[in-house]
């Protein structure tokens, strides 16, 4: 990652002539790490058809892109039922977080861009983040959408396709309401729609994700059905969020066989090039987290 305009060399040696410059705020795929005669580290990269080198003194290792996870969002004064639920954030906290991202110069990415990054096929800004909302709740269109639209940001909504409503429901902050067809269409300029399964967003009697007790064929059928149901809003449904973060080998195989390119989990961490595309990590930013905490979580630091 570059934080300044960075010279590019013909060989891993400061004695060689620089032939170009990488712009600041750029993630660039590293092919190899090398040591020169002075034991200084160099990164080997490819520019066009030629190999090139940048000094590790002029760049940072890329420790991954943060994929932020949200679910429900309410105003403080109307939140009487979900106040102690970690997956519910406040309008104030979310707005402050998005304002901070904008002021710090972050670019919000689509899942398509994230896939290009994971597969080492796309150069992205150093300050980049993915914003995701799981479930497809009505509060997303009511509260998150206006903030994101105001700042020109992009986000992804992982939709439980069986819960899409035919008509909008009257707003009730005391219940979990799901978006309607018209509400999804309203926010599609900001949100990309991807799958959170069709009927598998449930838990069993032991509070375990029901997906874990289903057969491979049952899971595959559900994944394919979800993709078909969401095609009216997005013909390129290529990404999956496992319900409740639950997955096993059957689910991973079914996700691949259903045609998904990437799948996200609830495991804490950032996404790096070369990660298992079916087991991508994410980060929670809570309503109680300070902006300093958010800055630390999403900065280019290794995750413990």
Protein backbone atom coordinates (compact mmCIF):
# COMPACT_ATOMS: atom_id res chain seq x y z
CA UNK A 1 0.00 0.00 0.00
CA UNK A 2 1.25 3.47 -0.85
CA UNK A 3 0.71 6.48 1.37
CA UNK A 4 2.71 8.81 -0.89
CA UNK A 5 3.86 8.94 -4.50
CA UNK A 6 6.23 5.97 -4.60
CA UNK A 7 9.17 5.44 -7.01
CA UNK A 8 9.21 2.23 -9.04
CA UNK A 9 12.56 0.62 -9.89
CA UNK A 10 13.86 -1.73 -12.58
CA UNK A 11 15.64 -3.89 -9.99
CA UNK A 12 15.50 -4.42 -6.21
CA UNK A 13 18.31 -1.99 -5.61
CA UNK A 14 18.26 1.73 -4.84
CA UNK A 15 21.20 2.02 -7.22
CA UNK A 16 18.95 1.11 -10.13
CA UNK A 17 17.11 3.82 -11.98
CA UNK A 18 13.47 4.49 -11.11
CA UNK A 19 11.34 4.43 -14.24
CA UNK A 20 7.98 5.48 -12.87
CA UNK A 21 5.85 6.32 -9.86
CA UNK A 22 2.93 4.67 -8.11
CA UNK A 23 0.35 7.18 -6.93
CA UNK A 24 -0.44 7.58 -3.26
CA UNK A 25 -3.43 5.81 -1.64
CA UNK A 26 -3.15 2.65 -3.72
CA UNK A 27 -3.24 -1.09 -2.99
CA UNK A 28 -1.05 -2.97 -5.43
CA UNK A 29 -0.69 -6.77 -5.60
CA UNK A 30 2.72 -7.98 -4.43
CA UNK A 31 4.17 -10.93 -6.34
CA UNK A 32 7.17 -11.53 -4.11
CA UNK A 33 9.32 -10.12 -1.31
CA UNK A 34 13.06 -9.82 -1.88
CA UNK A 35 16.15 -8.70 0.04
CA UNK A 36 18.90 -6.59 -1.52
CA UNK A 37 22.63 -6.68 -0.72
CA UNK A 38 22.02 -4.38 2.26
CA UNK A 39 19.28 -6.69 3.57
CA UNK A 40 16.58 -4.14 2.74
CA UNK A 41 13.17 -5.51 1.77
CA UNK A 42 11.70 -4.94 -1.70
CA UNK A 43 8.27 -5.74 -3.13
CA UNK A 44 8.10 -7.25 -6.61
CA UNK A 45 5.07 -6.09 -8.59
CA UNK A 46 3.90 -6.24 -12.19
CA UNK A 47 3.22 -3.14 -14.25
CA UNK A 48 1.81 -4.05 -17.62
CA UNK A 49 4.02 -6.83 -18.98
CA UNK A 50 7.11 -6.00 -16.95
CA UNK A 51 8.29 -6.79 -13.44
CA UNK A 52 9.07 -3.83 -11.22
CA UNK A 53 10.18 -3.19 -7.65
CA UNK A 54 9.34 -0.79 -4.85
CA UNK A 55 11.22 -0.38 -1.60
CA UNK A 56 9.48 -1.50 1.59
CA UNK A 57 10.64 1.82 3.04
CA UNK A 58 8.27 3.57 0.64
CA UNK A 59 5.17 1.40 1.19
CA UNK A 60 3.23 -0.55 3.81
CA UNK A 61 2.24 -4.22 3.79
CA UNK A 62 -1.43 -4.60 2.87
CA UNK A 63 -3.15 -6.01 5.97
CA UNK A 64 -6.53 -6.33 4.31
CA UNK A 65 -9.78 -4.50 3.59
CA UNK A 66 -12.35 -4.17 6.38
CA UNK A 67 -15.84 -5.45 5.60
CA UNK A 68 -18.21 -3.84 8.11
CA UNK A 69 -21.31 -5.67 9.33
CA UNK A 70 -24.59 -4.01 10.29
CA UNK A 71 -28.13 -5.34 10.71
CA UNK A 72 -30.73 -3.08 12.33
CA UNK A 73 -30.70 0.70 12.87
CA UNK A 74 -33.02 2.80 15.05
CA UNK A 75 -33.27 6.24 16.60
CA UNK A 76 -32.33 6.23 20.28
CA UNK A 77 -35.71 7.55 21.39
CA UNK A 78 -37.68 4.82 19.61
CA UNK A 79 -35.40 1.93 20.51
CA UNK A 80 -37.13 0.33 23.49
CA UNK A 81 -36.92 -3.33 22.50
CA UNK A 82 -33.46 -3.69 20.94
CA UNK A 83 -31.40 -1.37 23.14
CA UNK A 84 -29.24 -4.20 24.46
CA UNK A 85 -28.95 -6.07 21.16
CA UNK A 86 -25.46 -5.81 19.69
CA UNK A 87 -26.75 -6.12 16.12
CA UNK A 88 -28.84 -2.94 16.47
CA UNK A 89 -27.01 0.34 16.00
CA UNK A 90 -28.31 3.87 16.39
CA UNK A 91 -28.96 6.42 13.66
CA UNK A 92 -26.65 8.83 15.46
CA UNK A 93 -23.78 6.34 15.70
CA UNK A 94 -24.16 5.19 12.10
CA UNK A 95 -24.31 8.74 10.77
CA UNK A 96 -21.22 9.71 12.78
CA UNK A 97 -19.35 6.65 11.51
CA UNK A 98 -20.20 7.35 7.87
CA UNK A 99 -19.27 11.02 8.31
CA UNK A 100 -15.92 9.93 9.73
CA UNK A 101 -15.29 7.59 6.77
CA UNK A 102 -16.06 10.39 4.33
CA UNK A 103 -13.90 12.92 6.17
CA UNK A 104 -10.99 10.47 6.31
CA UNK A 105 -11.17 9.90 2.55
CA UNK A 106 -12.38 6.30 2.51
CA UNK A 107 -13.83 4.75 -0.64
CA UNK A 108 -16.79 2.38 -0.16
CA UNK A 109 -16.50 -0.70 -2.35
CA UNK A 110 -19.00 -3.03 -3.97
CA UNK A 111 -18.73 -6.79 -3.51
CA UNK A 112 -17.70 -7.02 -7.17
CA UNK A 113 -14.69 -4.83 -6.42
CA UNK A 114 -13.90 -6.89 -3.33
CA UNK A 115 -13.89 -10.04 -5.46
CA UNK A 116 -11.42 -8.46 -7.85
CA UNK A 117 -9.18 -7.62 -4.90
CA UNK A 118 -9.39 -11.11 -3.37
CA UNK A 119 -8.43 -12.64 -6.71
CA UNK A 120 -5.56 -10.18 -7.26
CA UNK A 121 -7.24 -8.78 -10.37
CA UNK A 122 -8.00 -5.24 -9.25
CA UNK A 123 -6.03 -2.35 -7.76
CA UNK A 124 -8.03 -0.49 -5.13
CA UNK A 125 -7.50 2.60 -2.97
CA UNK A 126 -5.52 2.15 0.24
CA UNK A 127 -8.37 3.72 2.18
CA UNK A 128 -11.16 1.32 1.23
CA UNK A 129 -14.01 -0.29 3.14
CA UNK A 130 -17.02 -2.50 2.37
CA UNK A 131 -20.32 -1.75 4.14
CA UNK A 132 -22.75 -4.66 4.53
CA UNK A 133 -26.21 -5.02 6.06
CA UNK A 134 -27.54 -8.52 6.78
CA UNK A 135 -31.23 -9.57 6.68
CA UNK A 136 -32.90 -6.83 4.62
CA UNK A 137 -34.70 -4.96 7.39
CA UNK A 138 -36.97 -1.99 6.75
CA UNK A 139 -34.81 0.22 8.96
CA UNK A 140 -32.08 0.03 6.32
CA UNK A 141 -34.20 1.85 3.75
CA UNK A 142 -35.60 4.22 6.37
CA UNK A 143 -32.37 5.29 8.08
CA UNK A 144 -29.19 3.91 6.50
CA UNK A 145 -30.06 4.67 2.88
CA UNK A 146 -30.44 8.48 3.27
CA UNK A 147 -27.07 8.77 5.03
CA UNK A 148 -25.25 6.67 2.46
CA UNK A 149 -26.94 8.46 -0.45
CA UNK A 150 -26.02 11.86 0.97
CA UNK A 151 -22.35 10.91 1.02
CA UNK A 152 -22.33 9.12 -2.33
CA UNK A 153 -21.45 5.81 -0.69
CA UNK A 154 -22.06 2.24 -1.82
CA UNK A 155 -23.21 -0.66 0.37
CA UNK A 156 -24.38 -4.26 0.08
CA UNK A 157 -27.59 -5.68 1.56
CA UNK A 158 -27.64 -9.45 2.08
CA UNK A 159 -31.35 -10.23 1.73
CA UNK A 160 -33.38 -13.11 3.19
CA UNK A 161 -35.30 -13.52 -0.04
CA UNK A 162 -38.35 -15.33 1.42
CA UNK A 163 -39.05 -12.34 3.71
CA UNK A 164 -39.36 -9.66 1.04
CA UNK A 165 -42.77 -8.05 1.47
CA UNK A 166 -45.15 -7.45 -1.41
CA UNK A 167 -46.17 -4.07 0.02
CA UNK A 168 -44.48 -1.74 2.54
CA UNK A 169 -45.45 -2.23 6.16
CA UNK A 170 -46.42 0.59 8.49
CA UNK A 171 -43.32 1.52 10.47
CA UNK A 172 -43.09 -0.13 13.89
CA UNK A 173 -39.74 0.25 15.71
CA UNK A 174 -40.73 -2.44 18.21
CA UNK A 175 -40.67 -5.22 15.61
CA UNK A 176 -38.25 -6.55 13.02
CA UNK A 177 -39.82 -5.57 9.70
CA UNK A 178 -38.47 -6.48 6.29
CA UNK A 179 -38.23 -4.38 3.16
CA UNK A 180 -40.82 -4.58 0.43
CA UNK A 181 -40.33 -4.80 -3.33
CA UNK A 182 -40.79 -1.04 -3.71
CA UNK A 183 -38.39 -0.26 -0.85
CA UNK A 184 -35.71 -2.46 -2.36
CA UNK A 185 -36.17 -0.76 -5.72
CA UNK A 186 -35.91 2.65 -4.03
CA UNK A 187 -32.49 1.98 -2.50
CA UNK A 188 -30.89 0.04 -5.35
CA UNK A 189 -28.88 3.06 -6.52
CA UNK A 190 -26.89 2.83 -3.28
CA UNK A 191 -27.24 -0.82 -2.31
CA UNK A 192 -26.28 -3.93 -4.17
CA UNK A 193 -28.47 -6.93 -3.27
CA UNK A 194 -26.95 -10.31 -2.51
CA UNK A 195 -28.11 -13.49 -0.77
CA UNK A 196 -28.67 -14.25 2.91
CA UNK A 197 -30.46 -17.50 1.89
CA UNK A 198 -34.17 -18.07 1.24
CA UNK A 199 -35.59 -20.21 4.08
CA UNK A 200 -32.42 -21.05 6.03
CA UNK A 201 -32.22 -17.98 8.26
CA UNK A 202 -33.53 -19.85 11.31
CA UNK A 203 -32.16 -21.62 14.38
CA UNK A 204 -33.05 -25.03 15.80
CA UNK A 205 -34.17 -25.90 19.33
CA UNK A 206 -30.59 -25.61 20.54
CA UNK A 207 -30.18 -22.11 19.05
CA UNK A 208 -27.83 -23.43 16.38
CA UNK A 209 -28.15 -22.24 12.75
CA UNK A 210 -30.58 -24.63 11.07
CA UNK A 211 -28.34 -24.70 8.02
CA UNK A 212 -25.93 -26.93 9.96
CA UNK A 213 -28.52 -29.71 10.26
CA UNK A 214 -29.63 -29.64 6.62
CA UNK A 215 -28.42 -31.92 3.85
CA UNK A 216 -26.20 -30.72 1.04
CA UNK A 217 -29.07 -30.97 -1.46
CA UNK A 218 -31.43 -29.01 0.81
CA UNK A 219 -28.85 -26.25 1.21
CA UNK A 220 -28.08 -26.17 -2.50
CA UNK A 221 -31.78 -25.93 -3.37
CA UNK A 222 -32.20 -23.01 -0.95
CA UNK A 223 -29.16 -21.14 -2.25
CA UNK A 224 -30.31 -21.51 -5.85
CA UNK A 225 -33.84 -20.44 -4.95
CA UNK A 226 -32.53 -17.33 -3.23
CA UNK A 227 -30.49 -16.36 -6.29
CA UNK A 228 -33.57 -16.74 -8.52
CA UNK A 229 -35.77 -14.72 -6.15
CA UNK A 230 -33.30 -11.85 -6.01
CA UNK A 231 -32.68 -11.77 -9.77
CA UNK A 232 -35.56 -9.28 -10.22
CA UNK A 233 -33.47 -6.73 -8.29
CA UNK A 234 -30.01 -7.80 -9.38
CA UNK A 235 -29.24 -10.23 -12.22
CA UNK A 236 -25.75 -10.78 -10.77
CA UNK A 237 -26.39 -12.33 -7.36
CA UNK A 238 -22.92 -13.78 -6.83
CA UNK A 239 -22.29 -13.35 -3.11
CA UNK A 240 -23.61 -15.00 0.05
CA UNK A 241 -23.74 -14.19 3.75
CA UNK A 242 -24.10 -17.34 5.86
CA UNK A 243 -27.11 -17.03 8.23
CA UNK A 244 -25.94 -16.41 11.81
CA UNK A 245 -22.42 -16.96 10.50
CA UNK A 246 -23.05 -20.71 10.41
CA UNK A 247 -21.35 -22.88 7.82
CA UNK A 248 -19.84 -26.32 7.39
CA UNK A 249 -18.28 -28.27 4.53
CA UNK A 250 -21.74 -29.00 3.05
CA UNK A 251 -22.61 -25.31 3.02
CA UNK A 252 -19.29 -24.32 1.46
CA UNK A 253 -19.68 -26.91 -1.31
CA UNK A 254 -23.31 -25.88 -1.88
CA UNK A 255 -22.29 -22.21 -2.09
CA UNK A 256 -19.72 -23.04 -4.75
CA UNK A 257 -22.09 -25.30 -6.67
CA UNK A 258 -24.92 -22.73 -6.51
CA UNK A 259 -22.71 -20.26 -8.36
CA UNK A 260 -21.61 -17.95 -5.57
CA UNK A 261 -18.20 -16.37 -6.05
CA UNK A 262 -17.66 -15.19 -2.46
CA UNK A 263 -19.26 -15.86 0.93
CA UNK A 264 -18.88 -13.82 4.11
CA UNK A 265 -18.88 -15.08 7.69
CA UNK A 266 -19.07 -13.48 11.12
CA UNK A 267 -15.47 -14.42 11.94
CA UNK A 268 -13.60 -11.27 12.99
CA UNK A 269 -10.92 -9.99 10.66
CA UNK A 270 -10.16 -8.31 7.36
CA UNK A 271 -10.19 -9.61 3.80
CA UNK A 272 -6.87 -10.18 2.07
CA UNK A 273 -5.86 -11.26 -1.43
CA UNK A 274 -5.71 -15.03 -1.60
CA UNK A 275 -8.18 -15.60 1.26
CA UNK A 276 -10.57 -18.53 0.90
CA UNK A 277 -13.35 -16.81 -1.10
CA UNK A 278 -16.03 -18.84 0.71
CA UNK A 279 -14.83 -17.90 4.21
CA UNK A 280 -14.29 -14.15 4.20
CA UNK A 281 -14.06 -12.33 7.52
CA UNK A 282 -15.89 -9.20 8.63
CA UNK A 283 -15.85 -6.61 11.42
CA UNK A 284 -18.62 -5.35 13.70
CA UNK A 285 -18.66 -1.65 14.56
CA UNK A 286 -21.02 -1.24 17.52
CA UNK A 287 -23.11 1.80 18.42
CA UNK A 288 -21.09 2.07 21.64
CA UNK A 289 -17.74 2.09 19.82
CA UNK A 290 -15.96 5.43 19.74
CA UNK A 291 -14.61 6.82 16.49
CA UNK A 292 -11.14 6.14 17.90
CA UNK A 293 -12.08 2.46 18.25
CA UNK A 294 -13.43 2.43 14.71
CA UNK A 295 -10.25 4.04 13.41
CA UNK A 296 -8.13 1.39 15.13
CA UNK A 297 -10.26 -1.49 13.83
CA UNK A 298 -10.24 -0.46 10.18
CA UNK A 299 -6.74 1.02 9.94
CA UNK A 300 -4.04 -0.89 8.08
CA UNK A 301 -2.86 -2.77 11.15
CA UNK A 302 -2.56 -6.54 11.52
CA UNK A 303 -5.59 -8.08 13.23
CA UNK A 304 -4.83 -10.10 16.35
